[in-house]
């Protein structure tokens, strides 16, 4: 037994005039469209946040390596290393704080990281506090380390002449 198109709709809808049915269907369409638009907006926003979080963690990884290299060079009295050390320390600290509490990360304003990540960030904060303290000690000794580096360079420069005198 075949029924007409009215059988697909609830009885109250089938009894409405065609114009009213079109208005009702139009309203349903607008509501569905707005719901889809809200979901797309939320998905894009969340994707932007996640991209910023991942980019920040990658940047922090690079900064930690640069911090280690700059520390070694600074201890040898390399003048350029102190700028790298200071910059890496500042950038790492800012990114860690923004991942923990929220803020602008690489052009995107993000909320604090999700609660599921906060324990790892707290552990990283503990390790970072010690690393930052050690970096501050090296930076505080900049003048002494630069003088030592110059002295070592002077000894290295004169080393061949000294070796010749010892041979002869």
C-alpha atoms as a PDB file:
ATOM      1  CA  UNK A   1       0.000   0.000   0.000  1.00  0.00           C
ATOM      2  CA  UNK A   2       1.546   3.278  -1.117  1.00  0.00           C
ATOM      3  CA  UNK A   3       0.854   6.458   0.693  1.00  0.00           C
ATOM      4  CA  UNK A   4       1.454  10.004  -0.410  1.00  0.00           C
ATOM      5  CA  UNK A   5       4.288  12.315   0.668  1.00  0.00           C
ATOM      6  CA  UNK A   6       2.265  13.386   3.672  1.00  0.00           C
ATOM      7  CA  UNK A   7       2.924  10.018   5.295  1.00  0.00           C
ATOM      8  CA  UNK A   8       6.590  10.932   5.817  1.00  0.00           C
ATOM      9  CA  UNK A   9       5.767  13.874   8.045  1.00  0.00           C
ATOM     10  CA  UNK A  10       3.958  14.007  11.354  1.00  0.00           C
ATOM     11  CA  UNK A  11       0.218  14.525  11.088  1.00  0.00           C
ATOM     12  CA  UNK A  12       0.326  18.086  12.495  1.00  0.00           C
ATOM     13  CA  UNK A  13       2.808  19.071   9.783  1.00  0.00           C
ATOM     14  CA  UNK A  14       0.831  17.447   6.970  1.00  0.00           C
ATOM     15  CA  UNK A  15      -2.289  19.370   7.924  1.00  0.00           C
ATOM     16  CA  UNK A  16      -0.557  22.752   7.579  1.00  0.00           C
ATOM     17  CA  UNK A  17      -0.884  24.792   4.409  1.00  0.00           C
ATOM     18  CA  UNK A  18       2.055  24.543   1.980  1.00  0.00           C
ATOM     19  CA  UNK A  19       3.262  28.071   2.769  1.00  0.00           C
ATOM     20  CA  UNK A  20       3.366  27.247   6.487  1.00  0.00           C
ATOM     21  CA  UNK A  21       5.187  23.994   5.748  1.00  0.00           C
ATOM     22  CA  UNK A  22       7.814  25.929   3.769  1.00  0.00           C
ATOM     23  CA  UNK A  23       8.243  28.395   6.643  1.00  0.00           C
ATOM     24  CA  UNK A  24       8.621  25.538   9.112  1.00  0.00           C
ATOM     25  CA  UNK A  25      11.119  23.715   6.901  1.00  0.00           C
ATOM     26  CA  UNK A  26      13.008  26.985   6.318  1.00  0.00           C
ATOM     27  CA  UNK A  27      13.205  27.550  10.070  1.00  0.00           C
ATOM     28  CA  UNK A  28      14.481  24.009  10.597  1.00  0.00           C
ATOM     29  CA  UNK A  29      17.072  24.567   7.858  1.00  0.00           C
ATOM     30  CA  UNK A  30      18.276  27.826   9.463  1.00  0.00           C
ATOM     31  CA  UNK A  31      18.587  26.146  12.884  1.00  0.00           C
ATOM     32  CA  UNK A  32      20.550  23.222  11.409  1.00  0.00           C
ATOM     33  CA  UNK A  33      22.741  25.618   9.428  1.00  0.00           C
ATOM     34  CA  UNK A  34      23.512  27.670  12.543  1.00  0.00           C
ATOM     35  CA  UNK A  35      24.317  24.510  14.504  1.00  0.00           C
ATOM     36  CA  UNK A  36      26.701  23.343  11.763  1.00  0.00           C
ATOM     37  CA  UNK A  37      28.305  26.800  11.603  1.00  0.00           C
ATOM     38  CA  UNK A  38      28.832  26.775  15.382  1.00  0.00           C
ATOM     39  CA  UNK A  39      30.399  23.306  15.225  1.00  0.00           C
ATOM     40  CA  UNK A  40      32.710  24.319  12.364  1.00  0.00           C
ATOM     41  CA  UNK A  41      33.743  27.472  14.258  1.00  0.00           C
ATOM     42  CA  UNK A  42      34.461  25.482  17.429  1.00  0.00           C
ATOM     43  CA  UNK A  43      36.399  22.839  15.498  1.00  0.00           C
ATOM     44  CA  UNK A  44      38.524  25.476  13.725  1.00  0.00           C
ATOM     45  CA  UNK A  45      39.169  27.304  16.992  1.00  0.00           C
ATOM     46  CA  UNK A  46      40.206  24.113  18.759  1.00  0.00           C
ATOM     47  CA  UNK A  47      42.445  23.163  15.825  1.00  0.00           C
ATOM     48  CA  UNK A  48      44.106  26.594  16.025  1.00  0.00           C
ATOM     49  CA  UNK A  49      44.703  26.141  19.757  1.00  0.00           C
ATOM     50  CA  UNK A  50      46.121  22.667  19.275  1.00  0.00           C
ATOM     51  CA  UNK A  51      48.390  23.878  16.464  1.00  0.00           C
ATOM     52  CA  UNK A  52      49.688  26.665  18.709  1.00  0.00           C
ATOM     53  CA  UNK A  53      50.282  24.219  21.593  1.00  0.00           C
ATOM     54  CA  UNK A  54      52.204  21.827  19.352  1.00  0.00           C
ATOM     55  CA  UNK A  55      54.207  24.653  17.784  1.00  0.00           C
ATOM     56  CA  UNK A  56      55.070  26.000  21.243  1.00  0.00           C
ATOM     57  CA  UNK A  57      56.230  22.607  22.468  1.00  0.00           C
ATOM     58  CA  UNK A  58      58.397  22.197  19.356  1.00  0.00           C
ATOM     59  CA  UNK A  59      59.814  25.672  19.865  1.00  0.00           C
ATOM     60  CA  UNK A  60      60.530  24.853  23.514  1.00  0.00           C
ATOM     61  CA  UNK A  61      62.383  21.710  22.479  1.00  0.00           C
ATOM     62  CA  UNK A  62      64.572  23.748  20.121  1.00  0.00           C
ATOM     63  CA  UNK A  63      65.089  26.402  22.795  1.00  0.00           C
ATOM     64  CA  UNK A  64      66.184  23.806  25.353  1.00  0.00           C
ATOM     65  CA  UNK A  65      68.822  22.541  22.926  1.00  0.00           C
ATOM     66  CA  UNK A  66      69.912  26.077  22.105  1.00  0.00           C
ATOM     67  CA  UNK A  67      70.058  26.860  25.829  1.00  0.00           C
ATOM     68  CA  UNK A  68      72.373  23.896  26.437  1.00  0.00           C
ATOM     69  CA  UNK A  69      74.649  24.851  23.538  1.00  0.00           C
ATOM     70  CA  UNK A  70      74.702  28.524  24.509  1.00  0.00           C
ATOM     71  CA  UNK A  71      75.544  27.615  28.125  1.00  0.00           C
ATOM     72  CA  UNK A  72      78.519  25.543  27.019  1.00  0.00           C
ATOM     73  CA  UNK A  73      79.775  28.307  24.743  1.00  0.00           C
ATOM     74  CA  UNK A  74      79.182  30.962  27.412  1.00  0.00           C
ATOM     75  CA  UNK A  75      81.267  28.964  29.899  1.00  0.00           C
ATOM     76  CA  UNK A  76      84.068  29.061  27.306  1.00  0.00           C
ATOM     77  CA  UNK A  77      83.796  32.856  27.157  1.00  0.00           C
ATOM     78  CA  UNK A  78      82.138  33.154  23.753  1.00  0.00           C
ATOM     79  CA  UNK A  79      80.595  36.665  23.597  1.00  0.00           C
ATOM     80  CA  UNK A  80      77.713  35.735  21.234  1.00  0.00           C
ATOM     81  CA  UNK A  81      76.664  32.870  23.470  1.00  0.00           C
ATOM     82  CA  UNK A  82      75.433  35.194  26.200  1.00  0.00           C
ATOM     83  CA  UNK A  83      72.890  36.800  23.894  1.00  0.00           C
ATOM     84  CA  UNK A  84      71.659  33.336  22.819  1.00  0.00           C
ATOM     85  CA  UNK A  85      71.524  32.203  26.438  1.00  0.00           C
ATOM     86  CA  UNK A  86      69.488  35.220  27.537  1.00  0.00           C
ATOM     87  CA  UNK A  87      67.140  35.039  24.553  1.00  0.00           C
ATOM     88  CA  UNK A  88      66.575  31.271  24.875  1.00  0.00           C
ATOM     89  CA  UNK A  89      65.937  31.560  28.597  1.00  0.00           C
ATOM     90  CA  UNK A  90      63.419  34.373  28.135  1.00  0.00           C
ATOM     91  CA  UNK A  91      61.588  32.694  25.239  1.00  0.00           C
ATOM     92  CA  UNK A  92      61.383  29.294  26.966  1.00  0.00           C
ATOM     93  CA  UNK A  93      60.073  30.880  30.148  1.00  0.00           C
ATOM     94  CA  UNK A  94      57.393  32.850  28.266  1.00  0.00           C
ATOM     95  CA  UNK A  95      56.216  29.834  26.295  1.00  0.00           C
ATOM     96  CA  UNK A  96      56.033  27.650  29.391  1.00  0.00           C
ATOM     97  CA  UNK A  97      54.029  30.289  31.235  1.00  0.00           C
ATOM     98  CA  UNK A  98      51.632  30.733  28.302  1.00  0.00           C
ATOM     99  CA  UNK A  99      51.141  26.989  27.903  1.00  0.00           C
ATOM    100  CA  UNK A 100      50.371  26.739  31.604  1.00  0.00           C
ATOM    101  CA  UNK A 101      48.155  29.809  32.071  1.00  0.00           C
ATOM    102  CA  UNK A 102      47.165  30.818  28.534  1.00  0.00           C
ATOM    103  CA  UNK A 103      48.113  33.839  26.465  1.00  0.00           C
ATOM    104  CA  UNK A 104      49.492  34.557  23.028  1.00  0.00           C
ATOM    105  CA  UNK A 105      51.541  31.797  21.422  1.00  0.00           C
ATOM    106  CA  UNK A 106      52.985  32.484  17.992  1.00  0.00           C
ATOM    107  CA  UNK A 107      50.199  34.899  17.059  1.00  0.00           C
ATOM    108  CA  UNK A 108      47.307  32.880  18.493  1.00  0.00           C
ATOM    109  CA  UNK A 109      45.693  33.725  21.823  1.00  0.00           C
ATOM    110  CA  UNK A 110      45.079  30.426  23.582  1.00  0.00           C
ATOM    111  CA  UNK A 111      43.492  29.423  26.885  1.00  0.00           C
ATOM    112  CA  UNK A 112      45.442  27.507  29.503  1.00  0.00           C
ATOM    113  CA  UNK A 113      46.359  23.993  28.428  1.00  0.00           C
ATOM    114  CA  UNK A 114      43.770  21.334  29.251  1.00  0.00           C
ATOM    115  CA  UNK A 115      43.709  19.867  32.758  1.00  0.00           C
ATOM    116  CA  UNK A 116      44.982  16.548  31.411  1.00  0.00           C
ATOM    117  CA  UNK A 117      48.279  18.239  30.456  1.00  0.00           C
ATOM    118  CA  UNK A 118      48.727  20.386  33.562  1.00  0.00           C
ATOM    119  CA  UNK A 119      50.562  17.680  35.617  1.00  0.00           C
ATOM    120  CA  UNK A 120      53.226  17.378  32.888  1.00  0.00           C
ATOM    121  CA  UNK A 121      53.538  21.154  32.727  1.00  0.00           C
ATOM    122  CA  UNK A 122      53.915  21.302  36.525  1.00  0.00           C
ATOM    123  CA  UNK A 123      56.730  18.736  36.348  1.00  0.00           C
ATOM    124  CA  UNK A 124      58.369  20.714  33.546  1.00  0.00           C
ATOM    125  CA  UNK A 125      58.045  23.887  35.645  1.00  0.00           C
ATOM    126  CA  UNK A 126      60.009  22.216  38.460  1.00  0.00           C
ATOM    127  CA  UNK A 127      62.818  21.181  36.114  1.00  0.00           C
ATOM    128  CA  UNK A 128      62.749  24.580  34.429  1.00  0.00           C
ATOM    129  CA  UNK A 129      63.109  26.429  37.756  1.00  0.00           C
ATOM    130  CA  UNK A 130      66.458  24.692  38.363  1.00  0.00           C
ATOM    131  CA  UNK A 131      67.616  25.205  34.773  1.00  0.00           C
ATOM    132  CA  UNK A 132      66.636  28.858  34.838  1.00  0.00           C
ATOM    133  CA  UNK A 133      68.521  29.347  38.116  1.00  0.00           C
ATOM    134  CA  UNK A 134      71.655  27.804  36.594  1.00  0.00           C
ATOM    135  CA  UNK A 135      71.343  29.963  33.481  1.00  0.00           C
ATOM    136  CA  UNK A 136      71.032  33.049  35.691  1.00  0.00           C
ATOM    137  CA  UNK A 137      74.284  32.087  37.457  1.00  0.00           C
ATOM    138  CA  UNK A 138      76.113  31.797  34.116  1.00  0.00           C
ATOM    139  CA  UNK A 139      74.665  35.117  32.926  1.00  0.00           C
ATOM    140  CA  UNK A 140      75.695  36.799  36.176  1.00  0.00           C
ATOM    141  CA  UNK A 141      79.296  35.689  35.523  1.00  0.00           C
ATOM    142  CA  UNK A 142      79.339  37.098  31.985  1.00  0.00           C
ATOM    143  CA  UNK A 143      82.155  39.597  32.586  1.00  0.00           C
ATOM    144  CA  UNK A 144      84.378  37.020  34.305  1.00  0.00           C
ATOM    145  CA  UNK A 145      83.748  34.367  31.666  1.00  0.00           C
ATOM    146  CA  UNK A 146      84.438  36.798  28.818  1.00  0.00           C
ATOM    147  CA  UNK A 147      87.736  37.810  30.449  1.00  0.00           C
ATOM    148  CA  UNK A 148      88.636  34.159  30.923  1.00  0.00           C
ATOM    149  CA  UNK A 149      87.781  33.437  27.280  1.00  0.00           C
ATOM    150  CA  UNK A 150      90.072  36.264  26.134  1.00  0.00           C
ATOM    151  CA  UNK A 151      92.869  34.926  28.317  1.00  0.00           C
ATOM    152  CA  UNK A 152      92.469  31.427  26.919  1.00  0.00           C
ATOM    153  CA  UNK A 153      92.494  32.826  23.368  1.00  0.00           C
ATOM    154  CA  UNK A 154      95.678  34.742  24.147  1.00  0.00           C
ATOM    155  CA  UNK A 155      97.357  31.610  25.517  1.00  0.00           C
ATOM    156  CA  UNK A 156      96.231  29.625  22.463  1.00  0.00           C
ATOM    157  CA  UNK A 157      97.635  32.338  20.192  1.00  0.00           C
ATOM    158  CA  UNK A 158     101.015  32.323  21.938  1.00  0.00           C
ATOM    159  CA  UNK A 159     101.139  28.547  22.360  1.00  0.00           C
ATOM    160  CA  UNK A 160     103.159  27.824  19.159  1.00  0.00           C
ATOM    161  CA  UNK A 161     105.841  30.375  20.150  1.00  0.00           C
ATOM    162  CA  UNK A 162     106.063  28.906  23.664  1.00  0.00           C
ATOM    163  CA  UNK A 163     106.384  25.356  22.253  1.00  0.00           C
ATOM    164  CA  UNK A 164     109.210  26.501  19.957  1.00  0.00           C
ATOM    165  CA  UNK A 165     111.085  28.037  22.867  1.00  0.00           C
ATOM    166  CA  UNK A 166     110.696  24.841  24.898  1.00  0.00           C
ATOM    167  CA  UNK A 167     112.056  22.716  22.022  1.00  0.00           C
ATOM    168  CA  UNK A 168     115.073  24.901  21.450  1.00  0.00           C
END
